[in-house]
């Protein structure tokens, strides 16, 4: 007989056990609970440590309960039934369906996907408020590091950073100009076509400018940065006003500020910024935040597929 004490378990630990037993698959169980697979595995391992025996037999094709798991499962189900019918159970539901998520993002990274993603997220978490911090890449990292944001969509951090970075999407730089600009008539504009132009750019020292300058240095190309602004949206406003063309990431030119502008890839050396997810390694996301991040990641995955075109 297996001797167990489940008094020190969290409710989600027990639900994790049941989900894996029913799905017979850790990936599907994690999706069902809106958890990451590593977080789900840790919860199961915690229960196995309490029991003192393995609760699942794992193979490459499926997962099934061990004799110890079969013995403990009726007890777990009874506990969950009692919890769900109690005040504690109602409070647990409230914790999953209410509250607030704070995420940080470089502004141009979410303008394309966020409205649709939030609409889909709201169907599952109608009472969870979402706060988006529009910050520079450096400040995004700091917001995650201090716990002000649960995660961020931003540019890569330094290699010695204490944060986890997961790349999502390579956003290419290209020419952006008005439709009446002579450059717009070029079918395949080149970087060299920008030489001598009064160009609009982002301020030196920003992540976007650093990436752009590094790419231009590899081409030994000297462009004339005439107007310098702090935000990508400000650069688009100056282009719209007819002050000149700019070189900006493609995603920055897909919002309403650029609806009357033309964006074209530049022939030659490919320059791109990488957007990805910043997280603290020692902190699990809440189920709601994990669901929101999954939806955003899915949106990026669809975008990558669309960019690559038909196989």
Protein backbone atom coordinates (compact mmCIF):
# COMPACT_ATOMS: atom_id res chain seq x y z
CA UNK A 1 0.00 0.00 0.00
CA UNK A 2 1.21 3.49 -0.85
CA UNK A 3 1.25 5.83 2.14
CA UNK A 4 0.58 9.41 1.13
CA UNK A 5 -0.25 12.76 2.69
CA UNK A 6 -1.64 15.27 0.24
CA UNK A 7 -2.35 18.00 2.78
CA UNK A 8 0.66 20.07 1.67
CA UNK A 9 -0.17 19.88 -2.04
CA UNK A 10 -1.40 22.77 -4.12
CA UNK A 11 -4.67 22.30 -5.94
CA UNK A 12 -2.88 22.70 -9.28
CA UNK A 13 -0.54 19.83 -8.33
CA UNK A 14 -3.53 17.50 -8.05
CA UNK A 15 -5.13 18.81 -11.23
CA UNK A 16 -1.82 18.25 -13.02
CA UNK A 17 -1.82 14.61 -11.96
CA UNK A 18 -5.37 14.05 -13.21
CA UNK A 19 -4.74 15.90 -16.49
CA UNK A 20 -1.69 13.77 -17.35
CA UNK A 21 -3.57 10.59 -16.43
CA UNK A 22 -6.51 11.55 -18.67
CA UNK A 23 -4.50 12.93 -21.61
CA UNK A 24 -1.73 10.30 -21.36
CA UNK A 25 0.55 12.99 -22.72
CA UNK A 26 2.42 15.77 -20.92
CA UNK A 27 2.20 18.22 -23.83
CA UNK A 28 -1.59 17.95 -24.17
CA UNK A 29 -2.04 18.06 -20.39
CA UNK A 30 0.07 21.22 -20.16
CA UNK A 31 -2.01 22.86 -22.89
CA UNK A 32 -5.21 21.87 -21.11
CA UNK A 33 -4.02 23.51 -17.88
CA UNK A 34 -2.39 26.50 -19.62
CA UNK A 35 0.97 25.55 -18.11
CA UNK A 36 4.37 25.17 -19.68
CA UNK A 37 5.47 21.55 -20.00
CA UNK A 38 8.44 22.03 -17.61
CA UNK A 39 6.12 23.56 -14.99
CA UNK A 40 3.71 20.63 -15.32
CA UNK A 41 6.55 18.13 -15.01
CA UNK A 42 7.79 19.82 -11.84
CA UNK A 43 4.36 19.55 -10.25
CA UNK A 44 4.14 15.84 -11.05
CA UNK A 45 7.67 15.29 -9.75
CA UNK A 46 6.70 17.07 -6.54
CA UNK A 47 3.83 14.60 -6.00
CA UNK A 48 6.07 11.65 -6.84
CA UNK A 49 8.57 12.85 -4.25
CA UNK A 50 5.80 13.04 -1.63
CA UNK A 51 4.56 9.56 -2.50
CA UNK A 52 8.04 8.12 -2.74
CA UNK A 53 7.29 6.26 -5.97
CA UNK A 54 6.88 7.01 -9.66
CA UNK A 55 3.27 7.73 -10.57
CA UNK A 56 3.66 7.44 -14.36
CA UNK A 57 5.38 5.11 -16.78
CA UNK A 58 6.76 7.29 -19.59
CA UNK A 59 7.55 6.14 -23.11
CA UNK A 60 8.13 7.91 -26.40
CA UNK A 61 4.52 7.24 -27.43
CA UNK A 62 2.41 7.57 -24.31
CA UNK A 63 2.23 8.02 -20.56
CA UNK A 64 0.28 5.72 -18.23
CA UNK A 65 -0.23 5.35 -14.51
CA UNK A 66 1.99 3.03 -12.51
CA UNK A 67 0.38 0.74 -9.90
CA UNK A 68 1.16 3.45 -7.33
CA UNK A 69 -0.50 6.05 -9.56
CA UNK A 70 -3.57 3.87 -9.99
CA UNK A 71 -3.80 3.46 -6.24
CA UNK A 72 -3.58 7.17 -5.46
CA UNK A 73 -5.84 8.41 -8.27
CA UNK A 74 -9.21 7.70 -6.56
CA UNK A 75 -8.04 9.66 -3.52
CA UNK A 76 -6.93 12.57 -5.68
CA UNK A 77 -10.24 12.66 -7.51
CA UNK A 78 -12.20 12.61 -4.23
CA UNK A 79 -10.11 15.47 -2.88
CA UNK A 80 -10.68 17.54 -6.00
CA UNK A 81 -14.42 16.85 -5.92
CA UNK A 82 -14.58 18.02 -2.31
CA UNK A 83 -12.48 21.10 -3.08
CA UNK A 84 -14.53 22.05 -6.14
CA UNK A 85 -17.74 21.88 -4.10
CA UNK A 86 -16.32 23.99 -1.27
CA UNK A 87 -15.67 27.70 -0.81
CA UNK A 88 -11.97 27.00 -1.39
CA UNK A 89 -12.83 25.61 -4.81
CA UNK A 90 -14.79 28.71 -5.75
CA UNK A 91 -11.82 30.84 -4.68
CA UNK A 92 -9.45 28.73 -6.78
CA UNK A 93 -11.62 29.28 -9.86
CA UNK A 94 -11.59 32.98 -9.15
CA UNK A 95 -7.79 32.98 -9.03
CA UNK A 96 -7.67 31.40 -12.46
CA UNK A 97 -10.23 33.72 -14.01
CA UNK A 98 -9.55 37.09 -12.36
CA UNK A 99 -6.55 39.29 -11.79
CA UNK A 100 -4.10 41.22 -13.95
CA UNK A 101 -1.25 40.44 -16.32
CA UNK A 102 1.52 42.94 -17.02
CA UNK A 103 3.69 42.45 -20.08
CA UNK A 104 6.32 44.73 -21.55
CA UNK A 105 6.99 45.15 -25.25
CA UNK A 106 8.86 47.27 -27.72
CA UNK A 107 5.88 49.07 -29.31
CA UNK A 108 6.31 47.87 -32.89
CA UNK A 109 6.41 44.21 -31.82
CA UNK A 110 2.78 44.00 -30.72
CA UNK A 111 0.96 46.50 -32.93
CA UNK A 112 0.37 43.85 -35.59
CA UNK A 113 -0.91 41.01 -33.37
CA UNK A 114 -2.01 42.28 -29.98
CA UNK A 115 -5.64 43.32 -30.70
CA UNK A 116 -6.52 39.93 -32.21
CA UNK A 117 -4.60 38.03 -29.53
CA UNK A 118 -6.26 39.94 -26.68
CA UNK A 119 -9.68 39.29 -28.18
CA UNK A 120 -8.97 35.55 -28.25
CA UNK A 121 -7.43 35.61 -24.76
CA UNK A 122 -10.50 37.38 -23.38
CA UNK A 123 -12.75 34.48 -24.33
CA UNK A 124 -10.99 32.26 -21.77
CA UNK A 125 -10.09 34.91 -19.19
CA UNK A 126 -12.87 37.49 -19.38
CA UNK A 127 -12.03 39.05 -16.01
CA UNK A 128 -8.24 39.14 -16.32
CA UNK A 129 -7.03 42.67 -17.02
CA UNK A 130 -3.99 43.10 -19.27
CA UNK A 131 -1.54 45.99 -18.96
CA UNK A 132 0.98 46.51 -21.76
CA UNK A 133 4.09 48.56 -21.03
CA UNK A 134 5.38 50.17 -24.25
CA UNK A 135 9.10 50.41 -23.49
CA UNK A 136 12.51 50.42 -25.12
CA UNK A 137 14.34 47.08 -25.30
CA UNK A 138 16.54 48.00 -22.34
CA UNK A 139 13.59 49.04 -20.19
CA UNK A 140 11.67 45.89 -21.19
CA UNK A 141 14.49 43.79 -19.78
CA UNK A 142 14.54 45.85 -16.59
CA UNK A 143 10.76 45.51 -16.15
CA UNK A 144 11.04 41.72 -16.32
CA UNK A 145 14.11 41.65 -14.09
CA UNK A 146 12.38 43.64 -11.34
CA UNK A 147 9.10 41.72 -11.63
CA UNK A 148 7.13 44.72 -12.90
CA UNK A 149 6.28 42.63 -15.99
CA UNK A 150 5.77 38.84 -16.13
CA UNK A 151 7.42 38.66 -19.54
CA UNK A 152 8.43 40.92 -22.41
CA UNK A 153 8.53 40.91 -26.20
CA UNK A 154 11.83 42.60 -26.96
CA UNK A 155 15.23 42.48 -28.63
CA UNK A 156 17.99 40.13 -27.41
CA UNK A 157 19.78 40.91 -24.17
CA UNK A 158 23.50 40.59 -23.48
CA UNK A 159 24.93 37.10 -23.14
CA UNK A 160 25.67 37.59 -19.43
CA UNK A 161 22.07 38.56 -18.66
CA UNK A 162 20.22 36.82 -15.87
CA UNK A 163 17.11 36.52 -18.07
CA UNK A 164 15.98 33.78 -20.47
CA UNK A 165 15.58 34.89 -24.08
CA UNK A 166 13.61 32.84 -26.64
CA UNK A 167 13.81 34.13 -30.26
CA UNK A 168 10.48 34.35 -32.08
CA UNK A 169 10.83 36.34 -35.29
CA UNK A 170 13.42 38.00 -37.56
CA UNK A 171 12.08 41.41 -38.57
CA UNK A 172 13.84 42.75 -41.68
CA UNK A 173 14.74 46.40 -42.26
CA UNK A 174 13.64 48.04 -45.48
CA UNK A 175 12.87 51.31 -47.22
CA UNK A 176 9.76 53.19 -46.10
CA UNK A 177 8.62 56.24 -48.05
CA UNK A 178 5.57 58.04 -49.38
CA UNK A 179 3.91 56.82 -52.55
CA UNK A 180 4.93 60.02 -54.36
CA UNK A 181 8.60 59.59 -53.44
CA UNK A 182 10.75 58.68 -56.50
CA UNK A 183 12.16 55.77 -54.49
CA UNK A 184 8.70 54.19 -54.39
CA UNK A 185 8.85 53.72 -58.17
CA UNK A 186 11.94 51.51 -57.93
CA UNK A 187 10.94 47.87 -58.34
CA UNK A 188 13.93 46.50 -56.42
CA UNK A 189 15.56 49.34 -54.48
CA UNK A 190 19.13 48.84 -53.25
CA UNK A 191 20.91 50.18 -50.21
CA UNK A 192 23.06 52.25 -52.55
CA UNK A 193 19.93 54.06 -53.79
CA UNK A 194 19.69 55.71 -50.37
CA UNK A 195 23.10 57.40 -50.57
CA UNK A 196 22.66 61.19 -50.59
CA UNK A 197 19.05 61.05 -49.36
CA UNK A 198 17.95 63.15 -46.36
CA UNK A 199 17.03 60.15 -44.25
CA UNK A 200 14.98 59.89 -41.08
CA UNK A 201 16.33 57.56 -38.39
CA UNK A 202 16.01 56.42 -34.79
CA UNK A 203 18.41 57.93 -32.27
CA UNK A 204 21.89 56.49 -31.88
CA UNK A 205 22.18 54.07 -28.96
CA UNK A 206 18.76 52.49 -29.39
CA UNK A 207 18.57 48.76 -30.12
CA UNK A 208 17.10 49.40 -33.57
CA UNK A 209 19.80 51.90 -34.54
CA UNK A 210 22.60 49.70 -33.20
CA UNK A 211 21.39 46.79 -35.36
CA UNK A 212 21.06 49.03 -38.42
CA UNK A 213 24.48 50.67 -38.00
CA UNK A 214 26.17 47.28 -37.62
CA UNK A 215 24.65 46.10 -40.90
CA UNK A 216 25.64 49.28 -42.73
CA UNK A 217 29.19 49.00 -41.40
CA UNK A 218 29.48 45.55 -42.96
CA UNK A 219 28.64 47.14 -46.32
CA UNK A 220 30.94 50.14 -45.70
CA UNK A 221 28.01 52.31 -46.65
CA UNK A 222 27.71 55.86 -45.32
CA UNK A 223 24.11 57.09 -45.27
CA UNK A 224 23.01 60.63 -44.45
CA UNK A 225 20.91 60.56 -41.26
CA UNK A 226 19.30 64.02 -41.44
CA UNK A 227 16.42 63.76 -38.96
CA UNK A 228 16.78 61.75 -35.75
CA UNK A 229 13.85 60.78 -33.50
CA UNK A 230 13.31 58.64 -30.42
CA UNK A 231 10.43 56.39 -31.47
CA UNK A 232 9.61 54.44 -34.61
CA UNK A 233 6.15 56.03 -34.67
CA UNK A 234 7.79 59.47 -34.78
CA UNK A 235 9.91 58.40 -37.74
CA UNK A 236 6.76 57.31 -39.57
CA UNK A 237 5.13 60.66 -38.82
CA UNK A 238 8.05 62.53 -40.40
CA UNK A 239 7.97 60.28 -43.46
CA UNK A 240 4.24 60.91 -43.76
CA UNK A 241 4.91 64.66 -43.59
CA UNK A 242 7.17 64.40 -46.63
CA UNK A 243 10.45 65.17 -44.87
CA UNK A 244 12.17 62.16 -46.42
CA UNK A 245 12.38 58.37 -46.52
CA UNK A 246 13.53 56.11 -43.71
CA UNK A 247 14.90 52.62 -43.09
CA UNK A 248 12.70 50.80 -40.58
CA UNK A 249 11.74 47.25 -39.53
CA UNK A 250 8.85 45.83 -41.50
CA UNK A 251 6.57 45.26 -38.50
CA UNK A 252 6.89 48.92 -37.51
CA UNK A 253 5.31 49.80 -40.85
CA UNK A 254 2.21 47.62 -40.50
CA UNK A 255 0.28 49.78 -38.04
CA UNK A 256 -2.23 52.54 -38.84
CA UNK A 257 0.51 55.21 -38.85
CA UNK A 258 1.94 53.68 -42.03
CA UNK A 259 -1.24 52.88 -43.95
CA UNK A 260 -0.42 55.48 -46.64
CA UNK A 261 3.28 54.61 -46.88
CA UNK A 262 5.26 52.14 -48.95
CA UNK A 263 7.65 49.58 -47.40
CA UNK A 264 10.06 47.70 -49.66
CA UNK A 265 12.93 45.27 -48.92
CA UNK A 266 16.37 46.54 -49.91
CA UNK A 267 18.50 44.39 -52.20
CA UNK A 268 21.94 43.33 -51.01
CA UNK A 269 22.91 42.65 -47.43
CA UNK A 270 19.98 41.57 -45.27
CA UNK A 271 19.67 43.50 -42.02
CA UNK A 272 17.17 42.35 -39.42
CA UNK A 273 16.37 42.61 -35.73
CA UNK A 274 15.34 39.54 -33.76
CA UNK A 275 12.27 39.78 -31.55
CA UNK A 276 11.70 37.29 -28.78
CA UNK A 277 10.43 36.58 -25.26
CA UNK A 278 12.26 37.68 -22.12
CA UNK A 279 11.50 35.81 -18.89
CA UNK A 280 12.98 35.30 -15.44
CA UNK A 281 14.36 31.76 -15.21
CA UNK A 282 13.30 31.12 -11.62
CA UNK A 283 9.66 32.22 -11.87
CA UNK A 284 6.82 30.27 -13.50
CA UNK A 285 4.26 32.32 -15.41
CA UNK A 286 0.73 32.35 -14.08
CA UNK A 287 -1.70 30.17 -16.07
CA UNK A 288 -3.29 33.28 -17.59
CA UNK A 289 0.06 34.82 -18.55
CA UNK A 290 1.21 31.50 -19.99
CA UNK A 291 -1.94 31.35 -22.13
CA UNK A 292 -1.38 34.90 -23.39
CA UNK A 293 2.23 34.14 -24.25
CA UNK A 294 1.15 30.96 -26.09
CA UNK A 295 -1.30 32.96 -28.20
CA UNK A 296 1.35 35.56 -29.04
CA UNK A 297 3.87 32.85 -29.94
CA UNK A 298 1.30 31.16 -32.18
CA UNK A 299 0.73 34.48 -33.95
CA UNK A 300 4.46 34.84 -34.61
CA UNK A 301 4.62 31.25 -35.88
CA UNK A 302 1.82 31.93 -38.38
CA UNK A 303 3.60 35.10 -39.48
CA UNK A 304 6.86 33.21 -40.10
CA UNK A 305 4.97 30.66 -42.18
CA UNK A 306 3.29 33.41 -44.22
CA UNK A 307 6.64 35.12 -44.80
CA UNK A 308 8.26 31.92 -46.06
CA UNK A 309 5.47 31.40 -48.58
CA UNK A 310 4.35 28.06 -50.04
CA UNK A 311 6.78 25.19 -49.72
